[in-house]
C-alpha atoms as a PDB file:
ATOM      1  CA  UNK A   1     -10.202 -19.855 -16.649  1.00  0.00           C
ATOM      2  CA  UNK A   2      -7.216 -19.353 -14.330  1.00  0.00           C
ATOM      3  CA  UNK A   3      -5.163 -16.291 -13.556  1.00  0.00           C
ATOM      4  CA  UNK A   4      -1.625 -15.478 -12.570  1.00  0.00           C
ATOM      5  CA  UNK A   5      -0.777 -13.494  -9.396  1.00  0.00           C
ATOM      6  CA  UNK A   6       2.086 -10.979  -9.592  1.00  0.00           C
ATOM      7  CA  UNK A   7       3.791  -9.775  -6.430  1.00  0.00           C
ATOM      8  CA  UNK A   8       6.799  -7.501  -6.222  1.00  0.00           C
ATOM      9  CA  UNK A   9       8.581  -7.509  -2.795  1.00  0.00           C
ATOM     10  CA  UNK A  10      11.565  -6.049  -1.123  1.00  0.00           C
ATOM     11  CA  UNK A  11      12.648  -6.525   2.512  1.00  0.00           C
ATOM     12  CA  UNK A  12       9.174  -7.229   3.767  1.00  0.00           C
ATOM     13  CA  UNK A  13       9.108 -10.962   4.472  1.00  0.00           C
ATOM     14  CA  UNK A  14       6.373 -10.883   7.145  1.00  0.00           C
ATOM     15  CA  UNK A  15       4.097  -8.671   4.971  1.00  0.00           C
ATOM     16  CA  UNK A  16       4.654 -11.019   2.053  1.00  0.00           C
ATOM     17  CA  UNK A  17       3.552 -14.005   4.149  1.00  0.00           C
ATOM     18  CA  UNK A  18       0.282 -12.160   5.139  1.00  0.00           C
ATOM     19  CA  UNK A  19      -0.309 -11.334   1.493  1.00  0.00           C
ATOM     20  CA  UNK A  20       0.189 -14.964   0.412  1.00  0.00           C
ATOM     21  CA  UNK A  21      -2.134 -16.237   3.194  1.00  0.00           C
ATOM     22  CA  UNK A  22      -4.888 -14.023   1.832  1.00  0.00           C
ATOM     23  CA  UNK A  23      -4.497 -15.751  -1.585  1.00  0.00           C
ATOM     24  CA  UNK A  24      -5.026 -19.260  -0.252  1.00  0.00           C
ATOM     25  CA  UNK A  25      -8.878 -19.260  -0.756  1.00  0.00           C
ATOM     26  CA  UNK A  26      -8.221 -18.586  -4.488  1.00  0.00           C
ATOM     27  CA  UNK A  27      -5.960 -21.650  -5.138  1.00  0.00           C
ATOM     28  CA  UNK A  28      -8.456 -23.170  -7.569  1.00  0.00           C
ATOM     29  CA  UNK A  29      -8.297 -20.020  -9.647  1.00  0.00           C
ATOM     30  CA  UNK A  30      -4.551 -19.553  -9.618  1.00  0.00           C
ATOM     31  CA  UNK A  31      -2.358 -20.878 -12.365  1.00  0.00           C
ATOM     32  CA  UNK A  32       0.814 -19.384 -11.021  1.00  0.00           C
ATOM     33  CA  UNK A  33       1.915 -16.944  -8.284  1.00  0.00           C
ATOM     34  CA  UNK A  34       4.970 -15.026  -9.508  1.00  0.00           C
ATOM     35  CA  UNK A  35       7.122 -13.361  -6.842  1.00  0.00           C
ATOM     36  CA  UNK A  36       9.917 -11.054  -7.913  1.00  0.00           C
ATOM     37  CA  UNK A  37      12.096 -10.380  -4.837  1.00  0.00           C
ATOM     38  CA  UNK A  38      14.698  -7.617  -4.662  1.00  0.00           C
ATOM     39  CA  UNK A  39      15.448  -7.919  -1.014  1.00  0.00           C
ATOM     40  CA  UNK A  40      18.891  -7.936   0.485  1.00  0.00           C
ATOM     41  CA  UNK A  41      18.753 -11.755   0.784  1.00  0.00           C
ATOM     42  CA  UNK A  42      16.715 -14.732  -0.391  1.00  0.00           C
ATOM     43  CA  UNK A  43      13.471 -15.401   1.415  1.00  0.00           C
ATOM     44  CA  UNK A  44      14.387 -18.768   2.833  1.00  0.00           C
ATOM     45  CA  UNK A  45      11.256 -18.891   5.041  1.00  0.00           C
ATOM     46  CA  UNK A  46       9.050 -18.719   1.933  1.00  0.00           C
ATOM     47  CA  UNK A  47      11.123 -21.237  -0.117  1.00  0.00           C
ATOM     48  CA  UNK A  48      10.963 -23.862   2.640  1.00  0.00           C
ATOM     49  CA  UNK A  49       7.256 -23.381   3.583  1.00  0.00           C
ATOM     50  CA  UNK A  50       5.084 -26.122   2.047  1.00  0.00           C
ATOM     51  CA  UNK A  51       1.902 -24.284   3.024  1.00  0.00           C
ATOM     52  CA  UNK A  52       2.040 -22.262  -0.164  1.00  0.00           C
ATOM     53  CA  UNK A  53       2.502 -25.122  -2.684  1.00  0.00           C
ATOM     54  CA  UNK A  54      -1.137 -24.777  -3.744  1.00  0.00           C
ATOM     55  CA  UNK A  55      -0.307 -21.193  -4.903  1.00  0.00           C
ATOM     56  CA  UNK A  56       2.088 -22.668  -7.507  1.00  0.00           C
ATOM     57  CA  UNK A  57       4.748 -20.157  -6.662  1.00  0.00           C
ATOM     58  CA  UNK A  58       7.438 -19.079  -9.100  1.00  0.00           C
ATOM     59  CA  UNK A  59      10.056 -17.266  -7.032  1.00  0.00           C
ATOM     60  CA  UNK A  60      12.706 -15.145  -8.699  1.00  0.00           C
ATOM     61  CA  UNK A  61      15.432 -13.264  -6.870  1.00  0.00           C
ATOM     62  CA  UNK A  62      16.710 -10.039  -8.549  1.00  0.00           C
ATOM     63  CA  UNK A  63      18.458  -7.978  -5.861  1.00  0.00           C
ATOM     64  CA  UNK A  64      19.173  -5.073  -8.196  1.00  0.00           C
ATOM     65  CA  UNK A  65      15.735  -4.759  -9.867  1.00  0.00           C
ATOM     66  CA  UNK A  66      13.747  -1.598  -9.600  1.00  0.00           C
ATOM     67  CA  UNK A  67       9.952  -1.751  -9.065  1.00  0.00           C
ATOM     68  CA  UNK A  68       9.113  -1.214 -12.772  1.00  0.00           C
ATOM     69  CA  UNK A  69      11.811  -3.621 -13.907  1.00  0.00           C
ATOM     70  CA  UNK A  70      10.480  -6.308 -11.482  1.00  0.00           C
ATOM     71  CA  UNK A  71       6.901  -5.742 -12.686  1.00  0.00           C
ATOM     72  CA  UNK A  72       7.965  -6.184 -16.311  1.00  0.00           C
ATOM     73  CA  UNK A  73       9.800  -9.360 -15.488  1.00  0.00           C
ATOM     74  CA  UNK A  74       6.775 -10.711 -13.715  1.00  0.00           C
ATOM     75  CA  UNK A  75       4.460  -9.915 -16.594  1.00  0.00           C
ATOM     76  CA  UNK A  76       6.730 -11.746 -19.005  1.00  0.00           C
ATOM     77  CA  UNK A  77       6.769 -14.833 -16.777  1.00  0.00           C
ATOM     78  CA  UNK A  78       2.991 -14.947 -16.558  1.00  0.00           C
ATOM     79  CA  UNK A  79       1.306 -17.002 -19.353  1.00  0.00           C
ATOM     80  CA  UNK A  80      -2.365 -16.545 -18.562  1.00  0.00           C
ATOM     81  CA  UNK A  81      -4.787 -14.131 -20.222  1.00  0.00           C
ATOM     82  CA  UNK A  82      -5.595 -12.371 -16.972  1.00  0.00           C
ATOM     83  CA  UNK A  83      -3.288 -11.294 -14.183  1.00  0.00           C
ATOM     84  CA  UNK A  84      -3.789  -9.923 -10.727  1.00  0.00           C
ATOM     85  CA  UNK A  85      -1.095  -7.550  -9.433  1.00  0.00           C
ATOM     86  CA  UNK A  86      -1.016  -6.975  -5.703  1.00  0.00           C
ATOM     87  CA  UNK A  87       1.509  -5.236  -3.439  1.00  0.00           C
ATOM     88  CA  UNK A  88       3.315  -7.295  -0.898  1.00  0.00           C
ATOM     89  CA  UNK A  89       1.923  -5.180   2.003  1.00  0.00           C
ATOM     90  CA  UNK A  90      -1.674  -5.702   0.907  1.00  0.00           C
ATOM     91  CA  UNK A  91      -4.140  -8.416   2.053  1.00  0.00           C
ATOM     92  CA  UNK A  92      -6.684  -9.380  -0.566  1.00  0.00           C
ATOM     93  CA  UNK A  93     -10.302  -9.483   0.617  1.00  0.00           C
ATOM     94  CA  UNK A  94     -12.096  -9.963  -2.769  1.00  0.00           C
ATOM     95  CA  UNK A  95     -14.430 -13.017  -2.965  1.00  0.00           C
ATOM     96  CA  UNK A  96     -13.682 -15.813  -5.439  1.00  0.00           C
ATOM     97  CA  UNK A  97     -16.896 -15.451  -7.455  1.00  0.00           C
ATOM     98  CA  UNK A  98     -16.187 -11.739  -8.013  1.00  0.00           C
ATOM     99  CA  UNK A  99     -13.090 -12.589  -9.980  1.00  0.00           C
ATOM    100  CA  UNK A 100     -15.315 -14.203 -12.626  1.00  0.00           C
ATOM    101  CA  UNK A 101     -17.478 -11.093 -12.637  1.00  0.00           C
ATOM    102  CA  UNK A 102     -14.457  -8.906 -13.365  1.00  0.00           C
ATOM    103  CA  UNK A 103     -13.763 -10.869 -16.494  1.00  0.00           C
ATOM    104  CA  UNK A 104     -17.267 -10.138 -17.787  1.00  0.00           C
ATOM    105  CA  UNK A 105     -16.849  -6.404 -17.528  1.00  0.00           C
ATOM    106  CA  UNK A 106     -15.922  -4.463 -20.635  1.00  0.00           C
ATOM    107  CA  UNK A 107     -12.542  -3.433 -19.354  1.00  0.00           C
ATOM    108  CA  UNK A 108      -8.914  -4.089 -20.203  1.00  0.00           C
ATOM    109  CA  UNK A 109      -7.832  -3.223 -16.686  1.00  0.00           C
ATOM    110  CA  UNK A 110      -9.567  -2.842 -13.336  1.00  0.00           C
ATOM    111  CA  UNK A 111      -8.072  -0.727 -10.553  1.00  0.00           C
ATOM    112  CA  UNK A 112      -9.036  -1.928  -7.177  1.00  0.00           C
ATOM    113  CA  UNK A 113      -9.710  -0.083  -3.866  1.00  0.00           C
ATOM    114  CA  UNK A 114      -7.608  -0.112  -0.755  1.00  0.00           C
ATOM    115  CA  UNK A 115      -8.402   0.703   2.892  1.00  0.00           C
ATOM    116  CA  UNK A 116      -5.970   1.429   5.715  1.00  0.00           C
ATOM    117  CA  UNK A 117      -5.306  -1.668   7.822  1.00  0.00           C
ATOM    118  CA  UNK A 118      -3.254   0.216  10.443  1.00  0.00           C
ATOM    119  CA  UNK A 119      -5.994   2.357  11.989  1.00  0.00           C
ATOM    120  CA  UNK A 120      -3.956   3.805  14.833  1.00  0.00           C
ATOM    121  CA  UNK A 121      -0.945   4.738  12.706  1.00  0.00           C
ATOM    122  CA  UNK A 122      -0.987   8.425  11.793  1.00  0.00           C
ATOM    123  CA  UNK A 123       1.443   7.828   8.942  1.00  0.00           C
ATOM    124  CA  UNK A 124      -0.729   5.161   7.345  1.00  0.00           C
ATOM    125  CA  UNK A 125      -3.783   7.430   7.908  1.00  0.00           C
ATOM    126  CA  UNK A 126      -1.976  10.188   6.037  1.00  0.00           C
ATOM    127  CA  UNK A 127      -1.280   7.924   3.096  1.00  0.00           C
ATOM    128  CA  UNK A 128      -4.863   6.749   3.049  1.00  0.00           C
ATOM    129  CA  UNK A 129      -5.867  10.491   3.036  1.00  0.00           C
ATOM    130  CA  UNK A 130      -3.976  11.039  -0.258  1.00  0.00           C
ATOM    131  CA  UNK A 131      -5.665   7.937  -1.720  1.00  0.00           C
ATOM    132  CA  UNK A 132      -9.070   9.316  -0.752  1.00  0.00           C
ATOM    133  CA  UNK A 133      -8.172  12.587  -2.490  1.00  0.00           C
ATOM    134  CA  UNK A 134      -7.200  10.663  -5.581  1.00  0.00           C
ATOM    135  CA  UNK A 135     -10.559   8.841  -5.597  1.00  0.00           C
ATOM    136  CA  UNK A 136     -12.450  12.111  -5.261  1.00  0.00           C
ATOM    137  CA  UNK A 137     -10.526  13.760  -8.127  1.00  0.00           C
ATOM    138  CA  UNK A 138     -10.333  10.905 -10.594  1.00  0.00           C
ATOM    139  CA  UNK A 139     -13.317   8.590 -10.398  1.00  0.00           C
ATOM    140  CA  UNK A 140     -16.375   9.417 -12.485  1.00  0.00           C
ATOM    141  CA  UNK A 141     -19.500   7.524 -11.402  1.00  0.00           C
ATOM    142  CA  UNK A 142     -21.831   6.455 -14.155  1.00  0.00           C
ATOM    143  CA  UNK A 143     -25.104   4.489 -13.980  1.00  0.00           C
ATOM    144  CA  UNK A 144     -23.356   1.176 -14.535  1.00  0.00           C
ATOM    145  CA  UNK A 145     -19.643   1.436 -13.867  1.00  0.00           C
ATOM    146  CA  UNK A 146     -17.088   3.590 -11.966  1.00  0.00           C
ATOM    147  CA  UNK A 147     -14.956   5.052 -14.682  1.00  0.00           C
ATOM    148  CA  UNK A 148     -11.311   5.949 -13.982  1.00  0.00           C
ATOM    149  CA  UNK A 149      -9.746   8.993 -15.517  1.00  0.00           C
ATOM    150  CA  UNK A 150      -6.878   6.747 -16.501  1.00  0.00           C
ATOM    151  CA  UNK A 151      -4.307   9.454 -17.247  1.00  0.00           C
ATOM    152  CA  UNK A 152      -4.000   9.812 -13.424  1.00  0.00           C
ATOM    153  CA  UNK A 153      -3.435   6.376 -12.075  1.00  0.00           C
ATOM    154  CA  UNK A 154      -2.350   6.694  -8.425  1.00  0.00           C
ATOM    155  CA  UNK A 155      -0.798   3.344  -8.024  1.00  0.00           C
ATOM    156  CA  UNK A 156      -0.995  -0.360  -8.770  1.00  0.00           C
ATOM    157  CA  UNK A 157      -1.556  -1.606  -5.232  1.00  0.00           C
ATOM    158  CA  UNK A 158      -4.167  -4.011  -6.600  1.00  0.00           C
ATOM    159  CA  UNK A 159      -4.972  -4.405 -10.302  1.00  0.00           C
ATOM    160  CA  UNK A 160      -6.869  -7.020 -12.312  1.00  0.00           C
ATOM    161  CA  UNK A 161      -5.918  -6.769 -16.037  1.00  0.00           C
ATOM    162  CA  UNK A 162      -5.461  -8.463 -19.341  1.00  0.00           C
ATOM    163  CA  UNK A 163      -1.817  -9.454 -19.534  1.00  0.00           C
ATOM    164  CA  UNK A 164      -1.325  -8.317 -23.111  1.00  0.00           C
ATOM    165  CA  UNK A 165      -1.842  -4.643 -21.926  1.00  0.00           C
ATOM    166  CA  UNK A 166       1.337  -4.731 -19.850  1.00  0.00           C
ATOM    167  CA  UNK A 167       3.208  -6.543 -22.637  1.00  0.00           C
ATOM    168  CA  UNK A 168       2.181  -3.887 -25.148  1.00  0.00           C
ATOM    169  CA  UNK A 169       2.719  -1.022 -22.743  1.00  0.00           C
ATOM    170  CA  UNK A 170       5.491  -2.021 -20.247  1.00  0.00           C
ATOM    171  CA  UNK A 171       6.428   0.075 -17.256  1.00  0.00           C
ATOM    172  CA  UNK A 172       9.037   2.754 -17.961  1.00  0.00           C
ATOM    173  CA  UNK A 173      12.156   1.541 -16.193  1.00  0.00           C
ATOM    174  CA  UNK A 174      14.312   4.698 -16.411  1.00  0.00           C
ATOM    175  CA  UNK A 175      12.673   7.238 -14.073  1.00  0.00           C
ATOM    176  CA  UNK A 176      14.033   9.246 -11.195  1.00  0.00           C
ATOM    177  CA  UNK A 177      11.847   7.672  -8.413  1.00  0.00           C
ATOM    178  CA  UNK A 178       9.241   5.006  -7.790  1.00  0.00           C
ATOM    179  CA  UNK A 179       5.570   5.615  -8.505  1.00  0.00           C
ATOM    180  CA  UNK A 180       6.514   7.766 -11.493  1.00  0.00           C
ATOM    181  CA  UNK A 181       6.157   4.619 -13.718  1.00  0.00           C
ATOM    182  CA  UNK A 182       2.477   4.388 -12.680  1.00  0.00           C
ATOM    183  CA  UNK A 183       1.813   7.946 -13.834  1.00  0.00           C
ATOM    184  CA  UNK A 184       3.685   7.537 -17.146  1.00  0.00           C
ATOM    185  CA  UNK A 185       1.850   4.232 -17.866  1.00  0.00           C
ATOM    186  CA  UNK A 186      -1.490   5.860 -17.035  1.00  0.00           C
ATOM    187  CA  UNK A 187      -0.787   8.613 -19.369  1.00  0.00           C
ATOM    188  CA  UNK A 188       0.155   6.140 -22.162  1.00  0.00           C
ATOM    189  CA  UNK A 189      -2.884   4.045 -21.609  1.00  0.00           C
ATOM    190  CA  UNK A 190      -5.087   7.162 -21.795  1.00  0.00           C
ATOM    191  CA  UNK A 191      -3.526   8.255 -25.061  1.00  0.00           C
ATOM    192  CA  UNK A 192      -4.254   4.783 -26.530  1.00  0.00           C
ATOM    193  CA  UNK A 193      -7.784   4.783 -25.168  1.00  0.00           C
ATOM    194  CA  UNK A 194      -7.333   1.656 -23.104  1.00  0.00           C
ATOM    195  CA  UNK A 195     -10.536   0.987 -21.169  1.00  0.00           C
ATOM    196  CA  UNK A 196      -9.818   1.163 -17.404  1.00  0.00           C
ATOM    197  CA  UNK A 197     -12.407   0.871 -14.643  1.00  0.00           C
ATOM    198  CA  UNK A 198     -12.278   1.404 -10.934  1.00  0.00           C
ATOM    199  CA  UNK A 199     -14.160  -1.310  -8.953  1.00  0.00           C
ATOM    200  CA  UNK A 200     -14.579  -1.089  -5.176  1.00  0.00           C
ATOM    201  CA  UNK A 201     -15.185  -4.868  -4.959  1.00  0.00           C
ATOM    202  CA  UNK A 202     -11.602  -5.548  -6.031  1.00  0.00           C
ATOM    203  CA  UNK A 203     -10.373  -4.749  -2.679  1.00  0.00           C
ATOM    204  CA  UNK A 204      -7.346  -5.105  -0.431  1.00  0.00           C
ATOM    205  CA  UNK A 205      -6.389  -3.987   3.109  1.00  0.00           C
ATOM    206  CA  UNK A 206      -3.172  -2.000   3.022  1.00  0.00           C
ATOM    207  CA  UNK A 207      -0.714  -2.396   5.918  1.00  0.00           C
ATOM    208  CA  UNK A 208       2.114  -0.071   5.075  1.00  0.00           C
ATOM    209  CA  UNK A 209       5.244   0.119   7.324  1.00  0.00           C
ATOM    210  CA  UNK A 210       5.383   3.914   7.270  1.00  0.00           C
ATOM    211  CA  UNK A 211       7.136   6.318   9.652  1.00  0.00           C
ATOM    212  CA  UNK A 212       7.830  10.045   9.569  1.00  0.00           C
ATOM    213  CA  UNK A 213      11.020  10.064   7.548  1.00  0.00           C
ATOM    214  CA  UNK A 214       9.926   7.770   4.629  1.00  0.00           C
ATOM    215  CA  UNK A 215       6.746   9.781   4.154  1.00  0.00           C
ATOM    216  CA  UNK A 216       8.601  13.043   3.971  1.00  0.00           C
ATOM    217  CA  UNK A 217      11.119  11.475   1.572  1.00  0.00           C
ATOM    218  CA  UNK A 218       8.235  10.276  -0.561  1.00  0.00           C
ATOM    219  CA  UNK A 219       6.710  13.714  -0.612  1.00  0.00           C
ATOM    220  CA  UNK A 220      10.042  15.136  -1.824  1.00  0.00           C
ATOM    221  CA  UNK A 221      10.379  12.395  -4.474  1.00  0.00           C
ATOM    222  CA  UNK A 222       6.859  13.135  -5.670  1.00  0.00           C
ATOM    223  CA  UNK A 223       7.606  16.735  -6.128  1.00  0.00           C
ATOM    224  CA  UNK A 224      10.899  15.986  -7.948  1.00  0.00           C
ATOM    225  CA  UNK A 225       9.201  13.358 -10.174  1.00  0.00           C
ATOM    226  CA  UNK A 226       6.308  15.800 -10.879  1.00  0.00           C
ATOM    227  CA  UNK A 227       8.725  18.353 -12.271  1.00  0.00           C
ATOM    228  CA  UNK A 228      10.547  15.632 -14.301  1.00  0.00           C
ATOM    229  CA  UNK A 229       7.353  14.266 -15.768  1.00  0.00           C
ATOM    230  CA  UNK A 230       6.194  17.759 -16.708  1.00  0.00           C
ATOM    231  CA  UNK A 231       9.482  18.564 -18.428  1.00  0.00           C
ATOM    232  CA  UNK A 232      10.098  15.248 -20.234  1.00  0.00           C
ATOM    233  CA  UNK A 233       6.575  13.884 -20.819  1.00  0.00           C
ATOM    234  CA  UNK A 234       4.363  17.081 -20.426  1.00  0.00           C
ATOM    235  CA  UNK A 235       2.313  15.151 -17.805  1.00  0.00           C
ATOM    236  CA  UNK A 236       0.507  16.987 -15.038  1.00  0.00           C
ATOM    237  CA  UNK A 237       0.773  14.122 -12.613  1.00  0.00           C
ATOM    238  CA  UNK A 238      -1.661  13.242  -9.821  1.00  0.00           C
ATOM    239  CA  UNK A 239      -4.101  15.928 -10.940  1.00  0.00           C
ATOM    240  CA  UNK A 240      -3.172  18.319  -8.094  1.00  0.00           C
ATOM    241  CA  UNK A 241      -2.987  15.662  -5.442  1.00  0.00           C
ATOM    242  CA  UNK A 242      -0.750  17.853  -3.216  1.00  0.00           C
ATOM    243  CA  UNK A 243      -2.700  21.048  -4.011  1.00  0.00           C
ATOM    244  CA  UNK A 244      -5.867  20.561  -2.063  1.00  0.00           C
ATOM    245  CA  UNK A 245      -7.713  23.503  -0.610  1.00  0.00           C
ATOM    246  CA  UNK A 246      -7.779  23.964   3.205  1.00  0.00           C
ATOM    247  CA  UNK A 247     -11.527  23.405   3.144  1.00  0.00           C
ATOM    248  CA  UNK A 248     -11.095  20.031   1.358  1.00  0.00           C
ATOM    249  CA  UNK A 249      -8.313  19.067   3.814  1.00  0.00           C
ATOM    250  CA  UNK A 250     -10.584  19.913   6.797  1.00  0.00           C
ATOM    251  CA  UNK A 251     -13.583  17.996   5.376  1.00  0.00           C
ATOM    252  CA  UNK A 252     -11.529  14.934   4.701  1.00  0.00           C
ATOM    253  CA  UNK A 253      -9.913  15.142   8.147  1.00  0.00           C
ATOM    254  CA  UNK A 254     -13.392  15.305   9.678  1.00  0.00           C
ATOM    255  CA  UNK A 255     -14.398  12.176   7.753  1.00  0.00           C
ATOM    256  CA  UNK A 256     -11.186  10.291   8.810  1.00  0.00           C
ATOM    257  CA  UNK A 257     -12.419   7.507  10.995  1.00  0.00           C
ATOM    258  CA  UNK A 258      -9.061   6.278  12.171  1.00  0.00           C
ATOM    259  CA  UNK A 259      -9.037   6.015  15.998  1.00  0.00           C
ATOM    260  CA  UNK A 260      -6.000   8.224  16.335  1.00  0.00           C
ATOM    261  CA  UNK A 261      -4.774   9.460  19.676  1.00  0.00           C
ATOM    262  CA  UNK A 262      -4.367  13.158  20.330  1.00  0.00           C
ATOM    263  CA  UNK A 263      -0.706  12.923  19.338  1.00  0.00           C
ATOM    264  CA  UNK A 264      -1.684  10.864  16.268  1.00  0.00           C
ATOM    265  CA  UNK A 265      -4.027  13.545  15.160  1.00  0.00           C
ATOM    266  CA  UNK A 266      -1.383  16.244  15.683  1.00  0.00           C
ATOM    267  CA  UNK A 267       1.071  14.221  13.519  1.00  0.00           C
ATOM    268  CA  UNK A 268      -1.633  13.660  10.929  1.00  0.00           C
ATOM    269  CA  UNK A 269      -2.489  17.374  10.601  1.00  0.00           C
ATOM    270  CA  UNK A 270       1.251  18.236  10.630  1.00  0.00           C
ATOM    271  CA  UNK A 271       1.928  15.875   7.719  1.00  0.00           C
ATOM    272  CA  UNK A 272      -1.075  17.242   5.707  1.00  0.00           C
ATOM    273  CA  UNK A 273       0.419  20.664   5.984  1.00  0.00           C
ATOM    274  CA  UNK A 274       4.058  19.696   5.433  1.00  0.00           C
ATOM    275  CA  UNK A 275       3.615  17.400   2.430  1.00  0.00           C
ATOM    276  CA  UNK A 276       2.826  20.162  -0.135  1.00  0.00           C
ATOM    277  CA  UNK A 277       5.834  22.135   1.129  1.00  0.00           C
ATOM    278  CA  UNK A 278       8.243  19.215   0.889  1.00  0.00           C
ATOM    279  CA  UNK A 279       6.793  18.413  -2.550  1.00  0.00           C
ATOM    280  CA  UNK A 280       7.470  21.987  -3.615  1.00  0.00           C
ATOM    281  CA  UNK A 281      11.065  21.563  -2.377  1.00  0.00           C
ATOM    282  CA  UNK A 282      11.460  18.572  -4.685  1.00  0.00           C
ATOM    283  CA  UNK A 283      10.076  20.459  -7.590  1.00  0.00           C
ATOM    284  CA  UNK A 284      12.386  23.425  -6.962  1.00  0.00           C
ATOM    285  CA  UNK A 285      15.447  21.249  -6.619  1.00  0.00           C
ATOM    286  CA  UNK A 286      14.697  19.626 -10.002  1.00  0.00           C
ATOM    287  CA  UNK A 287      14.317  22.964 -11.652  1.00  0.00           C
ATOM    288  CA  UNK A 288      17.571  24.298 -10.135  1.00  0.00           C
ATOM    289  CA  UNK A 289      19.419  21.152 -11.097  1.00  0.00           C
ATOM    290  CA  UNK A 290      18.087  21.276 -14.695  1.00  0.00           C
ATOM    291  CA  UNK A 291      19.042  24.967 -14.928  1.00  0.00           C
ATOM    292  CA  UNK A 292      22.604  24.263 -13.742  1.00  0.00           C
ATOM    293  CA  UNK A 293      23.126  21.466 -16.242  1.00  0.00           C
ATOM    294  CA  UNK A 294      21.670  23.693 -18.979  1.00  0.00           C
ATOM    295  CA  UNK A 295      24.093  26.545 -18.205  1.00  0.00           C
ATOM    296  CA  UNK A 296      27.045  24.075 -17.897  1.00  0.00           C
END
């Protein structure tokens, strides 16, 4: 049985190429590789490269598409029972035979694991830290499987799923910022008792192009979205991801194996302390904005 690969990309042509190269060992398993591109211009390099013919690429250019909209488009274009969603800045490391094992599990969706591929980048290390916090708070280990508390999905960096789940429960397209659609979908799936597992063998190396400003902007957006989701959907998103005790922060920092320089570690600690504050600013701005509109 073959699968469809779904990739959403925007202004990251070199990252996309690395992602596609990691898929080449799976060509015998791939029915179609669907790429939805919302970049500023067409990816001519990809369109002209014959190396990827074996991936059976369907390339669609939607410059105005949001992430959730692009994901919904990709799902509709796929025709296979199973799909694999992977971010364009991820490199797949899963073995071919493990794909068949995933199908045998009693799961409608499998959330994979990611590791930081930019070990010396303090911004990438910070993002990996939040992912580690999410794992600690939301994965319940049983004797057989690793069960995800699926009302708190952190992201869809790499997901193996039955296509009909995304058709029945599409991503919400009208939300204030990205990543909110993941949380809303997770909440919806939990309410409908969709069986979701976390499996560490479904794995990708994450190589994000982060710098200081984008991470701070994301922290603000997360805070704003958190207030919005609580107000509109009554969702307590991320299960306290930005409200971790100092002891937990210190322990995770001690376990962080990234070979950061002294300055890298200073930036890393600075971001761990600043993120909750910036997130709180986002929440406060949403509350003030909502209050003003209510009075008006």
